[in-house]
Amino acid sequence: MERPYTQIEVTKHADVSCVRLRHAVYNEMALEELGAELGRLIDEDGCRKMVLNLGPEAPDCLYSVFLAKIANLQRRLQAAGGALALAQLSAFTKDIFRAAGLEKYFQFYPSQERALAALEGV
């Protein structure tokens, strides 16, 4: 029996998992659950390519913890031979990545469709 995801919604498009956050507000415990669910996608569901939709509104959370979860997710996907694409980020969320000096490590796309197209060749 599959365990349901409580922090994310997942849809599959061929070999790409498209992930959307279920909530607008994430406290520290919810961020831990979010990280665990993203890890389950890799470990249990065999996800290697992922589009993570982070908008259109910016999530309200502890951004240092959130960015660490996203960076870890990307490392895990790359180590498994996959890739991560971030889609639909608000200007505020992009500024958070920029302020942390992380924007050069991620691929940003204005829409899920553009992110999916980019991952088709990976």
PDB file of N, CA and C in Angstrom:
ATOM      1  N   MET A   1       0.834  -1.187   0.000  1.00  0.00           N
ATOM      2  CA  MET A   1       0.000   0.000   0.000  1.00  0.00           C
ATOM      3  C   MET A   1       0.877   1.247   0.000  1.00  0.00           C
ATOM      4  N   GLU A   2       0.591   2.170  -0.907  1.00  0.00           N
ATOM      5  CA  GLU A   2       1.358   3.404  -0.994  1.00  0.00           C
ATOM      6  C   GLU A   2       1.049   4.329   0.162  1.00  0.00           C
ATOM      7  N   ARG A   3       2.109   4.964   0.670  1.00  0.00           N
ATOM      8  CA  ARG A   3       1.916   5.974   1.711  1.00  0.00           C
ATOM      9  C   ARG A   3       1.596   7.299   1.035  1.00  0.00           C
ATOM     10  N   PRO A   4       0.591   8.002   1.512  1.00  0.00           N
ATOM     11  CA  PRO A   4       0.251   9.279   0.889  1.00  0.00           C
ATOM     12  C   PRO A   4       1.268  10.365   1.258  1.00  0.00           C
ATOM     13  N   TYR A   5       1.370  11.325   0.391  1.00  0.00           N
ATOM     14  CA  TYR A   5       2.204  12.502   0.652  1.00  0.00           C
ATOM     15  C   TYR A   5       1.313  13.567   1.281  1.00  0.00           C
ATOM     16  N   THR A   6       1.788  14.186   2.351  1.00  0.00           N
ATOM     17  CA  THR A   6       1.001  15.225   3.017  1.00  0.00           C
ATOM     18  C   THR A   6       1.513  16.629   2.728  1.00  0.00           C
ATOM     19  N   GLN A   7       2.776  16.742   2.316  1.00  0.00           N
ATOM     20  CA  GLN A   7       3.361  18.061   2.078  1.00  0.00           C
ATOM     21  C   GLN A   7       3.473  18.420   0.599  1.00  0.00           C
ATOM     22  N   ILE A   8       3.366  17.415  -0.268  1.00  0.00           N
ATOM     23  CA  ILE A   8       3.538  17.648  -1.701  1.00  0.00           C
ATOM     24  C   ILE A   8       2.449  16.945  -2.500  1.00  0.00           C
ATOM     25  N   GLU A   9       2.225  17.450  -3.711  1.00  0.00           N
ATOM     26  CA  GLU A   9       1.380  16.789  -4.705  1.00  0.00           C
ATOM     27  C   GLU A   9       2.300  16.380  -5.843  1.00  0.00           C
ATOM     28  N   VAL A  10       2.158  15.154  -6.310  1.00  0.00           N
ATOM     29  CA  VAL A  10       3.044  14.629  -7.351  1.00  0.00           C
ATOM     30  C   VAL A  10       2.220  14.160  -8.535  1.00  0.00           C
ATOM     31  N   THR A  11       2.609  14.603  -9.720  1.00  0.00           N
ATOM     32  CA  THR A  11       2.048  14.077 -10.959  1.00  0.00           C
ATOM     33  C   THR A  11       3.215  13.603 -11.826  1.00  0.00           C
ATOM     34  N   LYS A  12       2.980  12.540 -12.578  1.00  0.00           N
ATOM     35  CA  LYS A  12       4.029  11.995 -13.436  1.00  0.00           C
ATOM     36  C   LYS A  12       3.763  12.380 -14.882  1.00  0.00           C
ATOM     37  N   HIS A  13       4.825  12.771 -15.572  1.00  0.00           N
ATOM     38  CA  HIS A  13       4.800  13.048 -17.001  1.00  0.00           C
ATOM     39  C   HIS A  13       5.966  12.266 -17.591  1.00  0.00           C
ATOM     40  N   ALA A  14       5.651  11.130 -18.185  1.00  0.00           N
ATOM     41  CA  ALA A  14       6.682  10.198 -18.683  1.00  0.00           C
ATOM     42  C   ALA A  14       7.601   9.847 -17.507  1.00  0.00           C
ATOM     43  N   ASP A  15       8.904  10.152 -17.599  1.00  0.00           N
ATOM     44  CA  ASP A  15       9.830   9.794 -16.521  1.00  0.00           C
ATOM     45  C   ASP A  15      10.156  10.970 -15.595  1.00  0.00           C
ATOM     46  N   VAL A  16       9.329  12.008 -15.631  1.00  0.00           N
ATOM     47  CA  VAL A  16       9.548  13.194 -14.801  1.00  0.00           C
ATOM     48  C   VAL A  16       8.445  13.298 -13.752  1.00  0.00           C
ATOM     49  N   SER A  17       8.856  13.500 -12.506  1.00  0.00           N
ATOM     50  CA  SER A  17       7.904  13.760 -11.426  1.00  0.00           C
ATOM     51  C   SER A  17       7.754  15.266 -11.275  1.00  0.00           C
ATOM     52  N   CYS A  18       6.523  15.743 -11.395  1.00  0.00           N
ATOM     53  CA  CYS A  18       6.234  17.162 -11.196  1.00  0.00           C
ATOM     54  C   CYS A  18       5.666  17.323  -9.795  1.00  0.00           C
ATOM     55  N   VAL A  19       6.328  18.125  -8.989  1.00  0.00           N
ATOM     56  CA  VAL A  19       5.994  18.265  -7.581  1.00  0.00           C
ATOM     57  C   VAL A  19       5.542  19.688  -7.302  1.00  0.00           C
ATOM     58  N   ARG A  20       4.436  19.782  -6.571  1.00  0.00           N
ATOM     59  CA  ARG A  20       3.896  21.069  -6.148  1.00  0.00           C
ATOM     60  C   ARG A  20       3.726  21.021  -4.634  1.00  0.00           C
ATOM     61  N   LEU A  21       4.061  22.122  -3.974  1.00  0.00           N
ATOM     62  CA  LEU A  21       3.875  22.201  -2.525  1.00  0.00           C
ATOM     63  C   LEU A  21       2.395  22.302  -2.209  1.00  0.00           C
ATOM     64  N   ARG A  22       1.951  21.553  -1.216  1.00  0.00           N
ATOM     65  CA  ARG A  22       0.530  21.560  -0.822  1.00  0.00           C
ATOM     66  C   ARG A  22       0.146  22.776   0.007  1.00  0.00           C
ATOM     67  N   HIS A  23       1.113  23.364   0.689  1.00  0.00           N
ATOM     68  CA  HIS A  23       0.797  24.436   1.635  1.00  0.00           C
ATOM     69  C   HIS A  23       1.594  25.697   1.324  1.00  0.00           C
ATOM     70  N   ALA A  24       1.103  26.814   1.788  1.00  0.00           N
ATOM     71  CA  ALA A  24       1.802  28.085   1.601  1.00  0.00           C
ATOM     72  C   ALA A  24       2.753  28.364   2.755  1.00  0.00           C
ATOM     73  N   VAL A  25       2.466  27.800   3.934  1.00  0.00           N
ATOM     74  CA  VAL A  25       3.260  28.061   5.130  1.00  0.00           C
ATOM     75  C   VAL A  25       3.883  26.753   5.611  1.00  0.00           C
ATOM     76  N   TYR A  26       5.181  26.798   5.878  1.00  0.00           N
ATOM     77  CA  TYR A  26       5.916  25.627   6.361  1.00  0.00           C
ATOM     78  C   TYR A  26       6.719  26.006   7.597  1.00  0.00           C
ATOM     79  N   ASN A  27       6.383  25.389   8.738  1.00  0.00           N
ATOM     80  CA  ASN A  27       7.206  25.566   9.928  1.00  0.00           C
ATOM     81  C   ASN A  27       8.342  24.551   9.869  1.00  0.00           C
ATOM     82  N   GLU A  28       9.194  24.517  10.904  1.00  0.00           N
ATOM     83  CA  GLU A  28      10.359  23.645  10.866  1.00  0.00           C
ATOM     84  C   GLU A  28       9.979  22.168  10.759  1.00  0.00           C
ATOM     85  N   MET A  29       8.960  21.739  11.480  1.00  0.00           N
ATOM     86  CA  MET A  29       8.538  20.341  11.424  1.00  0.00           C
ATOM     87  C   MET A  29       7.991  19.993  10.036  1.00  0.00           C
ATOM     88  N   ALA A  30       7.198  20.886   9.463  1.00  0.00           N
ATOM     89  CA  ALA A  30       6.655  20.643   8.130  1.00  0.00           C
ATOM     90  C   ALA A  30       7.771  20.604   7.092  1.00  0.00           C
ATOM     91  N   LEU A  31       8.814  21.422   7.271  1.00  0.00           N
ATOM     92  CA  LEU A  31       9.949  21.381   6.345  1.00  0.00           C
ATOM     93  C   LEU A  31      10.689  20.048   6.441  1.00  0.00           C
ATOM     94  N   GLU A  32      10.782  19.493   7.647  1.00  0.00           N
ATOM     95  CA  GLU A  32      11.400  18.175   7.803  1.00  0.00           C
ATOM     96  C   GLU A  32      10.577  17.117   7.065  1.00  0.00           C
ATOM     97  N   GLU A  33       9.256  17.192   7.194  1.00  0.00           N
ATOM     98  CA  GLU A  33       8.375  16.259   6.485  1.00  0.00           C
ATOM     99  C   GLU A  33       8.501  16.447   4.979  1.00  0.00           C
ATOM    100  N   LEU A  34       8.581  17.693   4.541  1.00  0.00           N
ATOM    101  CA  LEU A  34       8.758  17.985   3.117  1.00  0.00           C
ATOM    102  C   LEU A  34      10.033  17.329   2.595  1.00  0.00           C
ATOM    103  N   GLY A  35      11.140  17.506   3.309  1.00  0.00           N
ATOM    104  CA  GLY A  35      12.400  16.895   2.899  1.00  0.00           C
ATOM    105  C   GLY A  35      12.310  15.380   2.845  1.00  0.00           C
ATOM    106  N   ALA A  36      11.639  14.791   3.834  1.00  0.00           N
ATOM    107  CA  ALA A  36      11.484  13.333   3.862  1.00  0.00           C
ATOM    108  C   ALA A  36      10.649  12.850   2.686  1.00  0.00           C
ATOM    109  N   GLU A  37       9.589  13.571   2.349  1.00  0.00           N
ATOM    110  CA  GLU A  37       8.741  13.163   1.228  1.00  0.00           C
ATOM    111  C   GLU A  37       9.480  13.294  -0.097  1.00  0.00           C
ATOM    112  N   LEU A  38      10.268  14.342  -0.257  1.00  0.00           N
ATOM    113  CA  LEU A  38      11.059  14.480  -1.480  1.00  0.00           C
ATOM    114  C   LEU A  38      12.078  13.347  -1.575  1.00  0.00           C
ATOM    115  N   GLY A  39      12.661  12.965  -0.446  1.00  0.00           N
ATOM    116  CA  GLY A  39      13.583  11.832  -0.420  1.00  0.00           C
ATOM    117  C   GLY A  39      12.902  10.522  -0.778  1.00  0.00           C
ATOM    118  N   ARG A  40      11.662  10.333  -0.314  1.00  0.00           N
ATOM    119  CA  ARG A  40      10.897   9.130  -0.662  1.00  0.00           C
ATOM    120  C   ARG A  40      10.681   9.015  -2.159  1.00  0.00           C
ATOM    121  N   LEU A  41      10.476  10.149  -2.815  1.00  0.00           N
ATOM    122  CA  LEU A  41      10.296  10.106  -4.269  1.00  0.00           C
ATOM    123  C   LEU A  41      11.514   9.482  -4.943  1.00  0.00           C
ATOM    124  N   ILE A  42      12.687   9.794  -4.439  1.00  0.00           N
ATOM    125  CA  ILE A  42      13.916   9.252  -5.017  1.00  0.00           C
ATOM    126  C   ILE A  42      14.106   7.807  -4.598  1.00  0.00           C
ATOM    127  N   ASP A  43      14.027   7.551  -3.296  1.00  0.00           N
ATOM    128  CA  ASP A  43      14.354   6.233  -2.750  1.00  0.00           C
ATOM    129  C   ASP A  43      13.306   5.167  -3.038  1.00  0.00           C
ATOM    130  N   GLU A  44      12.047   5.505  -2.877  1.00  0.00           N
ATOM    131  CA  GLU A  44      10.984   4.501  -2.998  1.00  0.00           C
ATOM    132  C   GLU A  44      10.293   4.499  -4.355  1.00  0.00           C
ATOM    133  N   ASP A  45      10.185   5.669  -4.960  1.00  0.00           N
ATOM    134  CA  ASP A  45       9.468   5.758  -6.228  1.00  0.00           C
ATOM    135  C   ASP A  45      10.400   5.804  -7.438  1.00  0.00           C
ATOM    136  N   GLY A  46      11.711   5.822  -7.202  1.00  0.00           N
ATOM    137  CA  GLY A  46      12.662   5.788  -8.305  1.00  0.00           C
ATOM    138  C   GLY A  46      12.749   7.064  -9.115  1.00  0.00           C
ATOM    139  N   CYS A  47      12.339   8.179  -8.561  1.00  0.00           N
ATOM    140  CA  CYS A  47      12.392   9.460  -9.282  1.00  0.00           C
ATOM    141  C   CYS A  47      13.843   9.828  -9.581  1.00  0.00           C
ATOM    142  N   ARG A  48      14.098  10.203 -10.827  1.00  0.00           N
ATOM    143  CA  ARG A  48      15.421  10.665 -11.231  1.00  0.00           C
ATOM    144  C   ARG A  48      15.357  12.065 -11.841  1.00  0.00           C
ATOM    145  N   LYS A  49      14.193  12.429 -12.367  1.00  0.00           N
ATOM    146  CA  LYS A  49      14.002  13.762 -12.946  1.00  0.00           C
ATOM    147  C   LYS A  49      12.815  14.401 -12.257  1.00  0.00           C
ATOM    148  N   MET A  50      13.014  15.636 -11.795  1.00  0.00           N
ATOM    149  CA  MET A  50      11.956  16.295 -11.055  1.00  0.00           C
ATOM    150  C   MET A  50      11.839  17.766 -11.432  1.00  0.00           C
ATOM    151  N   VAL A  51      10.577  18.176 -11.610  1.00  0.00           N
ATOM    152  CA  VAL A  51      10.247  19.593 -11.707  1.00  0.00           C
ATOM    153  C   VAL A  51       9.615  19.952 -10.374  1.00  0.00           C
ATOM    154  N   LEU A  52      10.195  20.925  -9.689  1.00  0.00           N
ATOM    155  CA  LEU A  52       9.660  21.381  -8.415  1.00  0.00           C
ATOM    156  C   LEU A  52       9.048  22.759  -8.621  1.00  0.00           C
ATOM    157  N   ASN A  53       7.716  22.810  -8.530  1.00  0.00           N
ATOM    158  CA  ASN A  53       6.991  24.068  -8.692  1.00  0.00           C
ATOM    159  C   ASN A  53       7.002  24.809  -7.366  1.00  0.00           C
ATOM    160  N   LEU A  54       7.572  26.001  -7.344  1.00  0.00           N
ATOM    161  CA  LEU A  54       7.681  26.777  -6.111  1.00  0.00           C
ATOM    162  C   LEU A  54       6.854  28.055  -6.156  1.00  0.00           C
ATOM    163  N   GLY A  55       5.861  28.106  -6.980  1.00  0.00           N
ATOM    164  CA  GLY A  55       5.067  29.320  -7.087  1.00  0.00           C
ATOM    165  C   GLY A  55       3.645  28.978  -7.454  1.00  0.00           C
ATOM    166  N   PRO A  56       2.890  29.944  -7.848  1.00  0.00           N
ATOM    167  CA  PRO A  56       3.360  31.290  -8.173  1.00  0.00           C
ATOM    168  C   PRO A  56       3.616  32.164  -6.939  1.00  0.00           C
ATOM    169  N   GLU A  57       2.986  31.886  -5.788  1.00  0.00           N
ATOM    170  CA  GLU A  57       3.289  32.662  -4.587  1.00  0.00           C
ATOM    171  C   GLU A  57       4.485  32.043  -3.883  1.00  0.00           C
ATOM    172  N   ALA A  58       5.256  32.886  -3.214  1.00  0.00           N
ATOM    173  CA  ALA A  58       6.421  32.410  -2.474  1.00  0.00           C
ATOM    174  C   ALA A  58       5.973  31.638  -1.243  1.00  0.00           C
ATOM    175  N   PRO A  59       6.595  30.483  -0.975  1.00  0.00           N
ATOM    176  CA  PRO A  59       6.271  29.775   0.257  1.00  0.00           C
ATOM    177  C   PRO A  59       6.749  30.576   1.463  1.00  0.00           C
ATOM    178  N   ASP A  60       6.013  30.506   2.541  1.00  0.00           N
ATOM    179  CA  ASP A  60       6.372  31.189   3.774  1.00  0.00           C
ATOM    180  C   ASP A  60       7.012  30.150   4.691  1.00  0.00           C
ATOM    181  N   CYS A  61       8.346  30.249   4.854  1.00  0.00           N
ATOM    182  CA  CYS A  61       9.043  29.213   5.604  1.00  0.00           C
ATOM    183  C   CYS A  61      10.380  29.737   6.106  1.00  0.00           C
ATOM    184  N   LEU A  62      11.096  28.882   6.814  1.00  0.00           N
ATOM    185  CA  LEU A  62      12.463  29.175   7.253  1.00  0.00           C
ATOM    186  C   LEU A  62      13.364  28.958   6.045  1.00  0.00           C
ATOM    187  N   TYR A  63      13.747  30.039   5.376  1.00  0.00           N
ATOM    188  CA  TYR A  63      14.400  29.889   4.083  1.00  0.00           C
ATOM    189  C   TYR A  63      15.746  29.188   4.137  1.00  0.00           C
ATOM    190  N   SER A  64      16.502  29.333   5.211  1.00  0.00           N
ATOM    191  CA  SER A  64      17.791  28.637   5.262  1.00  0.00           C
ATOM    192  C   SER A  64      17.569  27.125   5.270  1.00  0.00           C
ATOM    193  N   VAL A  65      16.601  26.658   6.036  1.00  0.00           N
ATOM    194  CA  VAL A  65      16.283  25.227   6.090  1.00  0.00           C
ATOM    195  C   VAL A  65      15.719  24.778   4.745  1.00  0.00           C
ATOM    196  N   PHE A  66      14.828  25.582   4.176  1.00  0.00           N
ATOM    197  CA  PHE A  66      14.206  25.272   2.892  1.00  0.00           C
ATOM    198  C   PHE A  66      15.261  25.153   1.789  1.00  0.00           C
ATOM    199  N   LEU A  67      16.178  26.119   1.720  1.00  0.00           N
ATOM    200  CA  LEU A  67      17.231  26.078   0.706  1.00  0.00           C
ATOM    201  C   LEU A  67      18.137  24.869   0.890  1.00  0.00           C
ATOM    202  N   ALA A  68      18.410  24.504   2.121  1.00  0.00           N
ATOM    203  CA  ALA A  68      19.223  23.315   2.373  1.00  0.00           C
ATOM    204  C   ALA A  68      18.518  22.063   1.858  1.00  0.00           C
ATOM    205  N   LYS A  69      17.204  21.981   2.044  1.00  0.00           N
ATOM    206  CA  LYS A  69      16.439  20.829   1.550  1.00  0.00           C
ATOM    207  C   LYS A  69      16.510  20.759   0.019  1.00  0.00           C
ATOM    208  N   ILE A  70      16.368  21.901  -0.631  1.00  0.00           N
ATOM    209  CA  ILE A  70      16.400  21.945  -2.099  1.00  0.00           C
ATOM    210  C   ILE A  70      17.797  21.587  -2.611  1.00  0.00           C
ATOM    211  N   ALA A  71      18.837  22.109  -1.959  1.00  0.00           N
ATOM    212  CA  ALA A  71      20.210  21.787  -2.368  1.00  0.00           C
ATOM    213  C   ALA A  71      20.484  20.300  -2.191  1.00  0.00           C
ATOM    214  N   ASN A  72      20.036  19.722  -1.092  1.00  0.00           N
ATOM    215  CA  ASN A  72      20.210  18.289  -0.858  1.00  0.00           C
ATOM    216  C   ASN A  72      19.456  17.473  -1.907  1.00  0.00           C
ATOM    217  N   LEU A  73      18.249  17.897  -2.225  1.00  0.00           N
ATOM    218  CA  LEU A  73      17.463  17.228  -3.251  1.00  0.00           C
ATOM    219  C   LEU A  73      18.215  17.208  -4.580  1.00  0.00           C
ATOM    220  N   GLN A  74      18.752  18.353  -4.951  1.00  0.00           N
ATOM    221  CA  GLN A  74      19.482  18.420  -6.217  1.00  0.00           C
ATOM    222  C   GLN A  74      20.705  17.504  -6.200  1.00  0.00           C
ATOM    223  N   ARG A  75      21.457  17.507  -5.112  1.00  0.00           N
ATOM    224  CA  ARG A  75      22.634  16.628  -5.021  1.00  0.00           C
ATOM    225  C   ARG A  75      22.240  15.156  -5.157  1.00  0.00           C
ATOM    226  N   ARG A  76      21.164  14.773  -4.482  1.00  0.00           N
ATOM    227  CA  ARG A  76      20.719  13.376  -4.541  1.00  0.00           C
ATOM    228  C   ARG A  76      20.288  12.988  -5.949  1.00  0.00           C
ATOM    229  N   LEU A  77      19.550  13.875  -6.619  1.00  0.00           N
ATOM    230  CA  LEU A  77      19.112  13.576  -7.982  1.00  0.00           C
ATOM    231  C   LEU A  77      20.302  13.481  -8.927  1.00  0.00           C
ATOM    232  N   GLN A  78      21.247  14.398  -8.812  1.00  0.00           N
ATOM    233  CA  GLN A  78      22.426  14.358  -9.676  1.00  0.00           C
ATOM    234  C   GLN A  78      23.257  13.111  -9.420  1.00  0.00           C
ATOM    235  N   ALA A  79      23.394  12.703  -8.153  1.00  0.00           N
ATOM    236  CA  ALA A  79      24.154  11.503  -7.820  1.00  0.00           C
ATOM    237  C   ALA A  79      23.499  10.255  -8.414  1.00  0.00           C
ATOM    238  N   ALA A  80      22.178  10.305  -8.602  1.00  0.00           N
ATOM    239  CA  ALA A  80      21.439   9.182  -9.185  1.00  0.00           C
ATOM    240  C   ALA A  80      21.366   9.280 -10.707  1.00  0.00           C
ATOM    241  N   GLY A  81      22.065  10.266 -11.279  1.00  0.00           N
ATOM    242  CA  GLY A  81      22.066  10.423 -12.727  1.00  0.00           C
ATOM    243  C   GLY A  81      20.891  11.219 -13.248  1.00  0.00           C
ATOM    244  N   GLY A  82      20.215  11.942 -12.378  1.00  0.00           N
ATOM    245  CA  GLY A  82      19.026  12.697 -12.762  1.00  0.00           C
ATOM    246  C   GLY A  82      19.248  14.199 -12.726  1.00  0.00           C
ATOM    247  N   ALA A  83      18.139  14.923 -12.645  1.00  0.00           N
ATOM    248  CA  ALA A  83      18.205  16.382 -12.680  1.00  0.00           C
ATOM    249  C   ALA A  83      16.989  16.981 -11.990  1.00  0.00           C
ATOM    250  N   LEU A  84      17.164  18.219 -11.545  1.00  0.00           N
ATOM    251  CA  LEU A  84      16.107  18.992 -10.909  1.00  0.00           C
ATOM    252  C   LEU A  84      15.919  20.288 -11.669  1.00  0.00           C
ATOM    253  N   ALA A  85      14.663  20.646 -11.922  1.00  0.00           N
ATOM    254  CA  ALA A  85      14.324  21.928 -12.527  1.00  0.00           C
ATOM    255  C   ALA A  85      13.338  22.632 -11.602  1.00  0.00           C
ATOM    256  N   LEU A  86      13.576  23.900 -11.327  1.00  0.00           N
ATOM    257  CA  LEU A  86      12.683  24.689 -10.477  1.00  0.00           C
ATOM    258  C   LEU A  86      11.793  25.549 -11.362  1.00  0.00           C
ATOM    259  N   ALA A  87      10.499  25.531 -11.086  1.00  0.00           N
ATOM    260  CA  ALA A  87       9.542  26.235 -11.950  1.00  0.00           C
ATOM    261  C   ALA A  87       8.667  27.180 -11.149  1.00  0.00           C
ATOM    262  N   GLN A  88       8.198  28.203 -11.830  1.00  0.00           N
ATOM    263  CA  GLN A  88       7.203  29.154 -11.341  1.00  0.00           C
ATOM    264  C   GLN A  88       7.620  29.884 -10.071  1.00  0.00           C
ATOM    265  N   LEU A  89       8.873  30.216  -9.931  1.00  0.00           N
ATOM    266  CA  LEU A  89       9.308  30.942  -8.748  1.00  0.00           C
ATOM    267  C   LEU A  89       8.844  32.386  -8.806  1.00  0.00           C
ATOM    268  N   SER A  90       8.410  32.899  -7.682  1.00  0.00           N
ATOM    269  CA  SER A  90       8.072  34.316  -7.592  1.00  0.00           C
ATOM    270  C   SER A  90       9.371  35.117  -7.604  1.00  0.00           C
ATOM    271  N   ALA A  91       9.270  36.412  -7.848  1.00  0.00           N
ATOM    272  CA  ALA A  91      10.454  37.269  -7.812  1.00  0.00           C
ATOM    273  C   ALA A  91      11.102  37.216  -6.429  1.00  0.00           C
ATOM    274  N   PHE A  92      10.291  37.171  -5.378  1.00  0.00           N
ATOM    275  CA  PHE A  92      10.806  37.093  -4.012  1.00  0.00           C
ATOM    276  C   PHE A  92      11.614  35.821  -3.809  1.00  0.00           C
ATOM    277  N   THR A  93      11.100  34.686  -4.266  1.00  0.00           N
ATOM    278  CA  THR A  93      11.800  33.416  -4.088  1.00  0.00           C
ATOM    279  C   THR A  93      13.103  33.415  -4.877  1.00  0.00           C
ATOM    280  N   LYS A  94      13.099  33.945  -6.088  1.00  0.00           N
ATOM    281  CA  LYS A  94      14.336  34.043  -6.867  1.00  0.00           C
ATOM    282  C   LYS A  94      15.352  34.912  -6.132  1.00  0.00           C
ATOM    283  N   ASP A  95      14.882  35.996  -5.510  1.00  0.00           N
ATOM    284  CA  ASP A  95      15.774  36.864  -4.744  1.00  0.00           C
ATOM    285  C   ASP A  95      16.400  36.137  -3.558  1.00  0.00           C
ATOM    286  N   ILE A  96      15.658  35.219  -2.945  1.00  0.00           N
ATOM    287  CA  ILE A  96      16.195  34.436  -1.830  1.00  0.00           C
ATOM    288  C   ILE A  96      17.353  33.559  -2.334  1.00  0.00           C
ATOM    289  N   PHE A  97      17.165  32.891  -3.462  1.00  0.00           N
ATOM    290  CA  PHE A  97      18.242  32.078  -4.043  1.00  0.00           C
ATOM    291  C   PHE A  97      19.440  32.962  -4.387  1.00  0.00           C
ATOM    292  N   ARG A  98      19.174  34.134  -4.952  1.00  0.00           N
ATOM    293  CA  ARG A  98      20.240  35.059  -5.341  1.00  0.00           C
ATOM    294  C   ARG A  98      20.998  35.549  -4.110  1.00  0.00           C
ATOM    295  N   ALA A  99      20.270  35.950  -3.065  1.00  0.00           N
ATOM    296  CA  ALA A  99      20.904  36.464  -1.845  1.00  0.00           C
ATOM    297  C   ALA A  99      21.773  35.402  -1.177  1.00  0.00           C
ATOM    298  N   ALA A 100      21.368  34.155  -1.291  1.00  0.00           N
ATOM    299  CA  ALA A 100      22.135  33.053  -0.703  1.00  0.00           C
ATOM    300  C   ALA A 100      23.290  32.612  -1.609  1.00  0.00           C
ATOM    301  N   GLY A 101      23.384  33.194  -2.804  1.00  0.00           N
ATOM    302  CA  GLY A 101      24.441  32.825  -3.736  1.00  0.00           C
ATOM    303  C   GLY A 101      24.226  31.482  -4.401  1.00  0.00           C
ATOM    304  N   LEU A 102      22.969  31.029  -4.459  1.00  0.00           N
ATOM    305  CA  LEU A 102      22.668  29.707  -4.987  1.00  0.00           C
ATOM    306  C   LEU A 102      22.078  29.699  -6.388  1.00  0.00           C
ATOM    307  N   GLU A 103      21.762  30.860  -6.937  1.00  0.00           N
ATOM    308  CA  GLU A 103      21.065  30.865  -8.219  1.00  0.00           C
ATOM    309  C   GLU A 103      21.870  30.226  -9.337  1.00  0.00           C
ATOM    310  N   LYS A 104      23.191  30.243  -9.241  1.00  0.00           N
ATOM    311  CA  LYS A 104      24.018  29.649 -10.299  1.00  0.00           C
ATOM    312  C   LYS A 104      24.031  28.122 -10.260  1.00  0.00           C
ATOM    313  N   TYR A 105      23.518  27.528  -9.193  1.00  0.00           N
ATOM    314  CA  TYR A 105      23.517  26.072  -9.047  1.00  0.00           C
ATOM    315  C   TYR A 105      22.209  25.414  -9.481  1.00  0.00           C
ATOM    316  N   PHE A 106      21.218  26.217  -9.823  1.00  0.00           N
ATOM    317  CA  PHE A 106      19.901  25.686 -10.154  1.00  0.00           C
ATOM    318  C   PHE A 106      19.441  26.196 -11.504  1.00  0.00           C
ATOM    319  N   GLN A 107      18.549  25.430 -12.117  1.00  0.00           N
ATOM    320  CA  GLN A 107      17.922  25.829 -13.368  1.00  0.00           C
ATOM    321  C   GLN A 107      16.505  26.299 -13.057  1.00  0.00           C
ATOM    322  N   PHE A 108      16.192  27.531 -13.427  1.00  0.00           N
ATOM    323  CA  PHE A 108      14.881  28.130 -13.168  1.00  0.00           C
ATOM    324  C   PHE A 108      14.101  28.247 -14.474  1.00  0.00           C
ATOM    325  N   TYR A 109      12.794  27.961 -14.410  1.00  0.00           N
ATOM    326  CA  TYR A 109      11.940  28.035 -15.583  1.00  0.00           C
ATOM    327  C   TYR A 109      10.652  28.755 -15.212  1.00  0.00           C
ATOM    328  N   PRO A 110      10.098  29.525 -16.148  1.00  0.00           N
ATOM    329  CA  PRO A 110       8.882  30.284 -15.835  1.00  0.00           C
ATOM    330  C   PRO A 110       7.635  29.421 -15.680  1.00  0.00           C
ATOM    331  N   SER A 111       7.657  28.196 -16.231  1.00  0.00           N
ATOM    332  CA  SER A 111       6.472  27.336 -16.165  1.00  0.00           C
ATOM    333  C   SER A 111       6.887  25.876 -16.053  1.00  0.00           C
ATOM    334  N   GLN A 112       5.950  25.056 -15.624  1.00  0.00           N
ATOM    335  CA  GLN A 112       6.189  23.620 -15.550  1.00  0.00           C
ATOM    336  C   GLN A 112       6.445  23.054 -16.940  1.00  0.00           C
ATOM    337  N   GLU A 113       5.730  23.542 -17.924  1.00  0.00           N
ATOM    338  CA  GLU A 113       5.880  23.046 -19.290  1.00  0.00           C
ATOM    339  C   GLU A 113       7.296  23.274 -19.813  1.00  0.00           C
ATOM    340  N   ARG A 114       7.846  24.461 -19.554  1.00  0.00           N
ATOM    341  CA  ARG A 114       9.215  24.764 -20.008  1.00  0.00           C
ATOM    342  C   ARG A 114      10.230  23.898 -19.268  1.00  0.00           C
ATOM    343  N   ALA A 115       9.992  23.679 -17.972  1.00  0.00           N
ATOM    344  CA  ALA A 115      10.883  22.828 -17.191  1.00  0.00           C
ATOM    345  C   ALA A 115      10.842  21.388 -17.690  1.00  0.00           C
ATOM    346  N   LEU A 116       9.635  20.895 -17.975  1.00  0.00           N
ATOM    347  CA  LEU A 116       9.494  19.536 -18.517  1.00  0.00           C
ATOM    348  C   LEU A 116      10.242  19.397 -19.837  1.00  0.00           C
ATOM    349  N   ALA A 117      10.103  20.374 -20.708  1.00  0.00           N
ATOM    350  CA  ALA A 117      10.798  20.338 -22.003  1.00  0.00           C
ATOM    351  C   ALA A 117      12.310  20.298 -21.800  1.00  0.00           C
ATOM    352  N   ALA A 118      12.814  21.029 -20.836  1.00  0.00           N
ATOM    353  CA  ALA A 118      14.249  21.045 -20.572  1.00  0.00           C
ATOM    354  C   ALA A 118      14.745  19.699 -20.059  1.00  0.00           C
ATOM    355  N   LEU A 119      13.929  19.016 -19.272  1.00  0.00           N
ATOM    356  CA  LEU A 119      14.344  17.722 -18.704  1.00  0.00           C
ATOM    357  C   LEU A 119      14.198  16.562 -19.683  1.00  0.00           C
ATOM    358  N   GLU A 120      13.487  16.758 -20.772  1.00  0.00           N
ATOM    359  CA  GLU A 120      13.324  15.685 -21.753  1.00  0.00           C
ATOM    360  C   GLU A 120      14.650  15.225 -22.319  1.00  0.00           C
ATOM    361  N   GLY A 121      15.593  16.141 -22.454  1.00  0.00           N
ATOM    362  CA  GLY A 121      16.891  15.798 -23.046  1.00  0.00           C
ATOM    363  C   GLY A 121      17.923  15.306 -22.033  1.00  0.00           C
ATOM    364  N   VAL A 122      17.550  15.222 -20.780  1.00  0.00           N
ATOM    365  CA  VAL A 122      18.505  14.822 -19.737  1.00  0.00           C
ATOM    366  C   VAL A 122      18.486  13.335 -19.562  1.00  0.00           C
TER     367      VAL A 122
END
